[in-house]
Amino acid sequence: MTDKVEIISALEFVANINEKKDCLMAQDNTQNDPSVLWFNIDVPKGHGFVAGDRVRVTVEKL
C-alpha cells in the first residue's frame, strides 16, 4: 500500500464559498466509470485557478 496518491485532471469549475475561500472541483458527472477519480477541495482566495486549468492533487500520509 502506498502513502501517496495523485490525481491529475482539468478543473471542472471553481466555486465561490465565502469571502475567504473557494472550492476547486473536478468530478465524474456520470459516476458510471469506477476508475474515474474526482476531487472537491477548498482553497484560500487569491489562488488564481480557473475552470479548465490542468492541476495535480497530491495526498500524502505524514
N, C-alpha and C. Protein backbone atom coordinates (compact mmCIF):
# COMPACT_ATOMS: atom_id res chain seq x y z
N MET A 1 0.84 -1.19 0.00
CA MET A 1 0.00 0.00 0.00
C MET A 1 0.88 1.25 0.00
N THR A 2 0.44 2.27 -0.73
CA THR A 2 1.23 3.49 -0.84
C THR A 2 0.79 4.54 0.18
N ASP A 3 1.68 5.46 0.50
CA ASP A 3 1.36 6.58 1.39
C ASP A 3 1.11 7.86 0.60
N LYS A 4 0.95 7.72 -0.73
CA LYS A 4 0.78 8.90 -1.58
C LYS A 4 -0.14 8.56 -2.74
N VAL A 5 -1.05 9.47 -3.05
CA VAL A 5 -1.97 9.32 -4.17
C VAL A 5 -1.99 10.63 -4.96
N GLU A 6 -1.95 10.54 -6.30
CA GLU A 6 -2.02 11.74 -7.14
C GLU A 6 -3.21 11.63 -8.10
N ILE A 7 -3.90 12.75 -8.26
CA ILE A 7 -4.97 12.86 -9.25
C ILE A 7 -4.60 14.00 -10.18
N ILE A 8 -4.56 13.75 -11.48
CA ILE A 8 -4.28 14.80 -12.46
C ILE A 8 -5.54 14.96 -13.30
N SER A 9 -6.04 16.20 -13.35
CA SER A 9 -7.31 16.44 -14.03
C SER A 9 -7.44 17.92 -14.36
N ALA A 10 -8.35 18.22 -15.27
CA ALA A 10 -8.72 19.62 -15.53
C ALA A 10 -9.77 20.02 -14.50
N LEU A 11 -9.69 21.26 -14.01
CA LEU A 11 -10.71 21.76 -13.09
C LEU A 11 -12.02 21.88 -13.84
N GLU A 12 -13.06 21.30 -13.28
CA GLU A 12 -14.39 21.42 -13.88
C GLU A 12 -14.95 22.81 -13.60
N PHE A 13 -14.85 23.24 -12.34
CA PHE A 13 -15.24 24.61 -12.01
C PHE A 13 -14.65 25.03 -10.69
N VAL A 14 -14.66 26.35 -10.46
CA VAL A 14 -14.21 26.95 -9.21
C VAL A 14 -15.43 27.61 -8.58
N ALA A 15 -15.82 27.14 -7.40
CA ALA A 15 -17.00 27.67 -6.72
C ALA A 15 -16.60 28.70 -5.66
N ASN A 16 -17.34 29.77 -5.59
CA ASN A 16 -17.15 30.80 -4.58
C ASN A 16 -17.86 30.35 -3.30
N ILE A 17 -17.11 30.03 -2.24
CA ILE A 17 -17.71 29.56 -1.00
C ILE A 17 -18.07 30.71 -0.08
N ASN A 18 -17.11 31.57 0.20
CA ASN A 18 -17.35 32.76 1.04
C ASN A 18 -16.23 33.76 0.79
N GLU A 19 -16.09 34.76 1.64
CA GLU A 19 -15.10 35.82 1.41
C GLU A 19 -13.66 35.35 1.61
N LYS A 20 -13.46 34.16 2.17
CA LYS A 20 -12.11 33.68 2.47
C LYS A 20 -11.67 32.49 1.62
N LYS A 21 -12.63 31.75 1.02
CA LYS A 21 -12.21 30.54 0.30
C LYS A 21 -13.09 30.25 -0.90
N ASP A 22 -12.49 29.49 -1.83
CA ASP A 22 -13.18 28.94 -2.99
C ASP A 22 -13.04 27.42 -2.94
N CYS A 23 -13.77 26.75 -3.81
CA CYS A 23 -13.69 25.30 -3.89
C CYS A 23 -13.31 24.89 -5.31
N LEU A 24 -12.22 24.14 -5.45
CA LEU A 24 -11.78 23.62 -6.75
C LEU A 24 -12.42 22.25 -6.92
N MET A 25 -13.05 22.02 -8.09
CA MET A 25 -13.78 20.77 -8.28
C MET A 25 -13.50 20.13 -9.63
N ALA A 26 -13.39 18.83 -9.60
CA ALA A 26 -13.34 18.01 -10.81
C ALA A 26 -14.00 16.70 -10.43
N GLN A 27 -15.03 16.32 -11.14
CA GLN A 27 -15.72 15.08 -10.80
C GLN A 27 -16.29 14.40 -12.04
N ASP A 28 -16.49 13.12 -11.90
CA ASP A 28 -17.09 12.32 -12.96
C ASP A 28 -18.59 12.60 -12.94
N ASN A 29 -19.09 13.24 -13.97
CA ASN A 29 -20.50 13.62 -13.96
C ASN A 29 -21.45 12.45 -14.22
N THR A 30 -20.91 11.31 -14.56
CA THR A 30 -21.79 10.15 -14.79
C THR A 30 -21.75 9.18 -13.61
N GLN A 31 -20.66 9.16 -12.88
CA GLN A 31 -20.46 8.21 -11.77
C GLN A 31 -20.51 6.76 -12.24
N ASN A 32 -20.46 6.54 -13.56
CA ASN A 32 -20.58 5.19 -14.10
C ASN A 32 -19.24 4.48 -14.30
N ASP A 33 -18.14 5.24 -14.32
CA ASP A 33 -16.83 4.65 -14.54
C ASP A 33 -16.11 4.53 -13.20
N PRO A 34 -16.00 3.33 -12.64
CA PRO A 34 -15.39 3.18 -11.32
C PRO A 34 -13.91 3.54 -11.26
N SER A 35 -13.26 3.73 -12.41
CA SER A 35 -11.84 4.09 -12.39
C SER A 35 -11.61 5.60 -12.33
N VAL A 36 -12.65 6.39 -12.52
CA VAL A 36 -12.50 7.85 -12.53
C VAL A 36 -12.40 8.37 -11.10
N LEU A 37 -11.36 9.14 -10.84
CA LEU A 37 -11.16 9.77 -9.54
C LEU A 37 -11.56 11.24 -9.64
N TRP A 38 -12.14 11.76 -8.58
CA TRP A 38 -12.52 13.17 -8.61
C TRP A 38 -12.20 13.80 -7.27
N PHE A 39 -12.20 15.14 -7.24
CA PHE A 39 -11.89 15.85 -6.00
C PHE A 39 -12.75 17.09 -5.86
N ASN A 40 -12.82 17.55 -4.64
CA ASN A 40 -13.56 18.74 -4.25
C ASN A 40 -12.80 19.28 -3.05
N ILE A 41 -12.03 20.37 -3.24
CA ILE A 41 -11.13 20.83 -2.17
C ILE A 41 -11.23 22.34 -2.02
N ASP A 42 -11.36 22.80 -0.79
CA ASP A 42 -11.40 24.24 -0.51
C ASP A 42 -9.98 24.78 -0.49
N VAL A 43 -9.82 25.99 -1.06
CA VAL A 43 -8.52 26.67 -1.09
C VAL A 43 -8.73 28.14 -0.73
N PRO A 44 -7.71 28.80 -0.16
CA PRO A 44 -7.84 30.21 0.17
C PRO A 44 -8.02 31.07 -1.09
N LYS A 45 -8.75 32.18 -0.97
CA LYS A 45 -8.90 33.14 -2.08
C LYS A 45 -7.52 33.60 -2.54
N GLY A 46 -7.43 34.04 -3.78
CA GLY A 46 -6.17 34.54 -4.32
C GLY A 46 -5.36 33.45 -4.99
N HIS A 47 -5.92 32.27 -5.18
CA HIS A 47 -5.21 31.12 -5.74
C HIS A 47 -4.92 31.28 -7.23
N GLY A 48 -5.76 31.95 -8.00
CA GLY A 48 -5.51 32.17 -9.43
C GLY A 48 -5.97 31.06 -10.35
N PHE A 49 -6.58 29.99 -9.83
CA PHE A 49 -7.06 28.90 -10.67
C PHE A 49 -8.38 29.26 -11.33
N VAL A 50 -8.58 28.77 -12.56
CA VAL A 50 -9.85 28.96 -13.28
C VAL A 50 -10.27 27.62 -13.87
N ALA A 51 -11.56 27.50 -14.16
CA ALA A 51 -12.08 26.29 -14.78
C ALA A 51 -11.29 25.98 -16.05
N GLY A 52 -10.95 24.72 -16.26
CA GLY A 52 -10.17 24.31 -17.42
C GLY A 52 -8.69 24.16 -17.14
N ASP A 53 -8.18 24.81 -16.08
CA ASP A 53 -6.76 24.63 -15.73
C ASP A 53 -6.51 23.17 -15.39
N ARG A 54 -5.38 22.66 -15.85
CA ARG A 54 -4.99 21.29 -15.52
C ARG A 54 -4.21 21.34 -14.21
N VAL A 55 -4.60 20.49 -13.26
CA VAL A 55 -3.96 20.50 -11.93
C VAL A 55 -3.60 19.09 -11.49
N ARG A 56 -2.71 19.05 -10.51
CA ARG A 56 -2.36 17.78 -9.85
C ARG A 56 -2.69 17.95 -8.38
N VAL A 57 -3.47 17.03 -7.84
CA VAL A 57 -3.79 17.00 -6.42
C VAL A 57 -3.02 15.83 -5.82
N THR A 58 -2.23 16.10 -4.79
CA THR A 58 -1.44 15.06 -4.14
C THR A 58 -1.88 14.93 -2.69
N VAL A 59 -2.12 13.72 -2.27
CA VAL A 59 -2.46 13.42 -0.88
C VAL A 59 -1.39 12.50 -0.33
N GLU A 60 -0.74 12.93 0.76
CA GLU A 60 0.34 12.13 1.36
C GLU A 60 0.07 11.89 2.83
N LYS A 61 0.39 10.70 3.26
CA LYS A 61 0.34 10.40 4.69
C LYS A 61 1.58 11.01 5.33
N LEU A 62 1.39 11.73 6.40
CA LEU A 62 2.52 12.36 7.11
C LEU A 62 2.82 11.65 8.41
